[in-house]
Amino acid sequence: MKLITSVIIVGALTLIAGPASAEKYDCDKGFKDHMMKMSIFIDKTSGYELADAVRRSYDAYTACKAGDGFSPHGVWDEIERQMAEKAKGK
């Protein structure tokens, strides 16, 4: 169910983002920054949850690198928010 929600969010953001946003956004730097932010939650996250977050993060990175006008920043922010929320509960 979470995966379906993530796919819907990614799809919606893809439609909303303009082509110019991907050209200006540094996908590589953004992905590294996102992974650094996620790293503080590794010890507080199950293996399954971490794998899911990394998978969704990589999917957003791949879309960004494809140059299809997708900016992954909103997706990565949502993943970080979800991980922080889960970490508080444990």
N, C-alpha and C. Protein backbone atom coordinates (compact mmCIF):
# COMPACT_ATOMS: atom_id res chain seq x y z
N MET A 1 0.82 -1.19 0.00
CA MET A 1 0.00 0.00 0.00
C MET A 1 0.87 1.25 0.00
N LYS A 2 1.98 1.23 0.79
CA LYS A 2 2.88 2.37 0.82
C LYS A 2 3.53 2.57 -0.54
N LEU A 3 3.85 1.46 -1.20
CA LEU A 3 4.49 1.54 -2.50
C LEU A 3 3.55 2.18 -3.52
N ILE A 4 2.28 1.80 -3.47
CA ILE A 4 1.30 2.37 -4.39
C ILE A 4 1.17 3.87 -4.15
N THR A 5 1.12 4.27 -2.90
CA THR A 5 1.04 5.69 -2.55
C THR A 5 2.26 6.43 -3.07
N SER A 6 3.44 5.84 -2.90
CA SER A 6 4.67 6.47 -3.37
C SER A 6 4.66 6.62 -4.88
N VAL A 7 4.19 5.60 -5.58
CA VAL A 7 4.14 5.66 -7.04
C VAL A 7 3.19 6.77 -7.49
N ILE A 8 2.07 6.89 -6.81
CA ILE A 8 1.10 7.94 -7.15
C ILE A 8 1.72 9.32 -6.91
N ILE A 9 2.42 9.48 -5.80
CA ILE A 9 3.06 10.76 -5.49
C ILE A 9 4.11 11.09 -6.54
N VAL A 10 4.93 10.11 -6.88
CA VAL A 10 5.97 10.33 -7.89
C VAL A 10 5.33 10.70 -9.22
N GLY A 11 4.27 10.01 -9.59
CA GLY A 11 3.58 10.31 -10.84
C GLY A 11 3.01 11.71 -10.84
N ALA A 12 2.39 12.11 -9.75
CA ALA A 12 1.81 13.44 -9.67
C ALA A 12 2.88 14.52 -9.75
N LEU A 13 3.98 14.30 -9.04
CA LEU A 13 5.06 15.27 -9.08
C LEU A 13 5.70 15.35 -10.47
N THR A 14 5.73 14.24 -11.17
CA THR A 14 6.26 14.23 -12.53
C THR A 14 5.41 15.11 -13.44
N LEU A 15 4.11 15.04 -13.28
CA LEU A 15 3.22 15.85 -14.11
C LEU A 15 3.31 17.33 -13.77
N ILE A 16 3.53 17.63 -12.49
CA ILE A 16 3.56 19.02 -12.04
C ILE A 16 4.88 19.71 -12.40
N ALA A 17 5.98 18.98 -12.28
CA ALA A 17 7.31 19.58 -12.50
C ALA A 17 7.48 20.00 -13.95
N GLY A 18 8.07 21.15 -14.13
CA GLY A 18 8.32 21.64 -15.49
C GLY A 18 9.65 21.13 -16.00
N PRO A 19 9.84 21.08 -17.32
CA PRO A 19 11.08 20.58 -17.89
C PRO A 19 12.32 21.37 -17.46
N ALA A 20 12.16 22.63 -17.20
CA ALA A 20 13.31 23.44 -16.81
C ALA A 20 13.84 23.06 -15.44
N SER A 21 12.99 22.53 -14.57
CA SER A 21 13.43 22.22 -13.21
C SER A 21 14.47 21.12 -13.18
N ALA A 22 14.38 20.14 -14.07
CA ALA A 22 15.36 19.05 -14.09
C ALA A 22 16.70 19.54 -14.61
N GLU A 23 16.69 20.49 -15.51
CA GLU A 23 17.94 21.02 -16.06
C GLU A 23 18.72 21.78 -15.00
N LYS A 24 18.03 22.46 -14.13
CA LYS A 24 18.68 23.27 -13.11
C LYS A 24 19.06 22.44 -11.89
N TYR A 25 18.42 21.31 -11.69
CA TYR A 25 18.63 20.52 -10.49
C TYR A 25 19.78 19.55 -10.68
N ASP A 26 20.72 19.53 -9.76
CA ASP A 26 21.86 18.61 -9.80
C ASP A 26 21.43 17.31 -9.13
N CYS A 27 21.05 16.33 -9.94
CA CYS A 27 20.53 15.06 -9.43
C CYS A 27 21.54 14.34 -8.55
N ASP A 28 22.81 14.35 -8.96
CA ASP A 28 23.84 13.64 -8.20
C ASP A 28 24.04 14.25 -6.81
N LYS A 29 24.18 15.56 -6.76
CA LYS A 29 24.36 16.23 -5.47
C LYS A 29 23.11 16.06 -4.60
N GLY A 30 21.95 16.20 -5.21
CA GLY A 30 20.70 16.05 -4.47
C GLY A 30 20.56 14.66 -3.87
N PHE A 31 20.94 13.64 -4.63
CA PHE A 31 20.84 12.27 -4.14
C PHE A 31 21.81 12.05 -2.96
N LYS A 32 23.03 12.55 -3.10
CA LYS A 32 24.00 12.41 -2.00
C LYS A 32 23.52 13.13 -0.75
N ASP A 33 22.99 14.33 -0.90
CA ASP A 33 22.46 15.08 0.25
C ASP A 33 21.31 14.32 0.91
N HIS A 34 20.43 13.79 0.08
CA HIS A 34 19.29 13.03 0.59
C HIS A 34 19.76 11.80 1.37
N MET A 35 20.71 11.07 0.82
CA MET A 35 21.20 9.87 1.50
C MET A 35 21.88 10.22 2.83
N MET A 36 22.57 11.35 2.88
CA MET A 36 23.18 11.79 4.14
C MET A 36 22.11 12.08 5.19
N LYS A 37 21.02 12.72 4.76
CA LYS A 37 19.93 13.01 5.69
C LYS A 37 19.27 11.73 6.18
N MET A 38 19.15 10.75 5.30
CA MET A 38 18.53 9.47 5.66
C MET A 38 19.41 8.66 6.61
N SER A 39 20.72 8.85 6.54
CA SER A 39 21.65 8.00 7.29
C SER A 39 21.43 8.06 8.80
N ILE A 40 20.91 9.16 9.31
CA ILE A 40 20.70 9.26 10.75
C ILE A 40 19.57 8.35 11.24
N PHE A 41 18.76 7.85 10.32
CA PHE A 41 17.64 7.00 10.70
C PHE A 41 17.91 5.51 10.51
N ILE A 42 19.09 5.14 10.04
CA ILE A 42 19.38 3.74 9.72
C ILE A 42 19.20 2.84 10.94
N ASP A 43 19.75 3.24 12.08
CA ASP A 43 19.66 2.40 13.28
C ASP A 43 18.24 2.31 13.84
N LYS A 44 17.39 3.23 13.45
CA LYS A 44 16.03 3.29 13.97
C LYS A 44 15.00 2.75 12.99
N THR A 45 15.47 2.12 11.92
CA THR A 45 14.60 1.66 10.85
C THR A 45 14.81 0.17 10.62
N SER A 46 13.74 -0.55 10.33
CA SER A 46 13.87 -1.97 10.02
C SER A 46 14.53 -2.13 8.65
N GLY A 47 15.06 -3.29 8.39
CA GLY A 47 15.68 -3.56 7.11
C GLY A 47 14.72 -3.37 5.96
N TYR A 48 13.49 -3.82 6.14
CA TYR A 48 12.47 -3.68 5.10
C TYR A 48 12.18 -2.21 4.83
N GLU A 49 11.98 -1.43 5.89
CA GLU A 49 11.67 -0.01 5.74
C GLU A 49 12.83 0.74 5.07
N LEU A 50 14.05 0.39 5.45
CA LEU A 50 15.21 1.03 4.85
C LEU A 50 15.33 0.67 3.37
N ALA A 51 15.15 -0.60 3.04
CA ALA A 51 15.22 -1.02 1.64
C ALA A 51 14.15 -0.32 0.82
N ASP A 52 12.95 -0.18 1.37
CA ASP A 52 11.87 0.51 0.66
C ASP A 52 12.22 1.98 0.43
N ALA A 53 12.77 2.64 1.44
CA ALA A 53 13.13 4.05 1.32
C ALA A 53 14.24 4.24 0.28
N VAL A 54 15.23 3.35 0.31
CA VAL A 54 16.33 3.44 -0.65
C VAL A 54 15.83 3.18 -2.07
N ARG A 55 14.96 2.21 -2.21
CA ARG A 55 14.39 1.89 -3.52
C ARG A 55 13.62 3.08 -4.10
N ARG A 56 12.78 3.69 -3.27
CA ARG A 56 12.01 4.85 -3.74
C ARG A 56 12.92 6.03 -4.04
N SER A 57 13.96 6.19 -3.22
CA SER A 57 14.93 7.27 -3.44
C SER A 57 15.65 7.08 -4.77
N TYR A 58 16.06 5.86 -5.03
CA TYR A 58 16.77 5.57 -6.27
C TYR A 58 15.85 5.74 -7.49
N ASP A 59 14.60 5.35 -7.36
CA ASP A 59 13.65 5.54 -8.46
C ASP A 59 13.51 7.03 -8.81
N ALA A 60 13.45 7.87 -7.78
CA ALA A 60 13.36 9.32 -8.01
C ALA A 60 14.65 9.84 -8.65
N TYR A 61 15.80 9.32 -8.21
CA TYR A 61 17.08 9.72 -8.79
C TYR A 61 17.14 9.33 -10.27
N THR A 62 16.70 8.12 -10.58
CA THR A 62 16.72 7.64 -11.96
C THR A 62 15.84 8.51 -12.84
N ALA A 63 14.67 8.88 -12.35
CA ALA A 63 13.77 9.75 -13.11
C ALA A 63 14.41 11.12 -13.34
N CYS A 64 15.10 11.62 -12.33
CA CYS A 64 15.79 12.90 -12.45
C CYS A 64 16.88 12.82 -13.52
N LYS A 65 17.68 11.77 -13.48
CA LYS A 65 18.77 11.61 -14.44
C LYS A 65 18.27 11.38 -15.87
N ALA A 66 17.07 10.86 -16.00
CA ALA A 66 16.51 10.60 -17.33
C ALA A 66 16.23 11.90 -18.08
N GLY A 67 16.20 13.01 -17.35
CA GLY A 67 15.98 14.29 -18.00
C GLY A 67 14.56 14.48 -18.50
N ASP A 68 13.62 13.82 -17.83
CA ASP A 68 12.23 13.92 -18.27
C ASP A 68 11.45 15.03 -17.57
N GLY A 69 12.17 15.99 -17.00
CA GLY A 69 11.50 17.12 -16.36
C GLY A 69 11.07 16.83 -14.94
N PHE A 70 11.63 15.81 -14.32
CA PHE A 70 11.24 15.42 -12.97
C PHE A 70 12.26 15.93 -11.96
N SER A 71 11.79 16.62 -10.94
CA SER A 71 12.64 17.03 -9.83
C SER A 71 12.30 16.18 -8.63
N PRO A 72 13.25 15.39 -8.12
CA PRO A 72 12.98 14.45 -7.05
C PRO A 72 12.92 15.06 -5.66
N HIS A 73 13.19 16.34 -5.55
CA HIS A 73 13.31 16.96 -4.23
C HIS A 73 12.09 16.72 -3.34
N GLY A 74 10.90 16.88 -3.87
CA GLY A 74 9.69 16.67 -3.07
C GLY A 74 9.53 15.23 -2.62
N VAL A 75 9.89 14.29 -3.48
CA VAL A 75 9.81 12.87 -3.13
C VAL A 75 10.80 12.57 -2.01
N TRP A 76 12.03 13.08 -2.15
CA TRP A 76 13.03 12.82 -1.13
C TRP A 76 12.65 13.46 0.20
N ASP A 77 12.09 14.65 0.17
CA ASP A 77 11.63 15.29 1.41
C ASP A 77 10.57 14.43 2.10
N GLU A 78 9.66 13.87 1.32
CA GLU A 78 8.60 13.03 1.88
C GLU A 78 9.19 11.75 2.49
N ILE A 79 10.15 11.15 1.84
CA ILE A 79 10.79 9.94 2.37
C ILE A 79 11.49 10.27 3.69
N GLU A 80 12.21 11.38 3.74
CA GLU A 80 12.88 11.79 4.97
C GLU A 80 11.87 12.04 6.09
N ARG A 81 10.75 12.67 5.76
CA ARG A 81 9.70 12.93 6.75
C ARG A 81 9.14 11.62 7.30
N GLN A 82 8.88 10.67 6.40
CA GLN A 82 8.34 9.38 6.82
C GLN A 82 9.33 8.63 7.70
N MET A 83 10.60 8.67 7.35
CA MET A 83 11.60 7.97 8.16
C MET A 83 11.73 8.60 9.54
N ALA A 84 11.69 9.92 9.60
CA ALA A 84 11.77 10.62 10.89
C ALA A 84 10.56 10.27 11.75
N GLU A 85 9.40 10.20 11.14
CA GLU A 85 8.18 9.87 11.86
C GLU A 85 8.25 8.44 12.43
N LYS A 86 8.72 7.50 11.62
CA LYS A 86 8.87 6.12 12.09
C LYS A 86 9.92 6.00 13.18
N ALA A 87 10.99 6.77 13.06
CA ALA A 87 12.07 6.72 14.05
C ALA A 87 11.59 7.22 15.41
N LYS A 88 10.68 8.18 15.43
CA LYS A 88 10.14 8.69 16.68
C LYS A 88 9.32 7.64 17.40
N GLY A 89 8.67 6.79 16.62
CA GLY A 89 7.78 5.77 17.17
C GLY A 89 8.52 4.57 17.75
N LYS A 90 9.81 4.47 17.49
CA LYS A 90 10.58 3.30 17.98
C LYS A 90 11.46 3.65 19.13
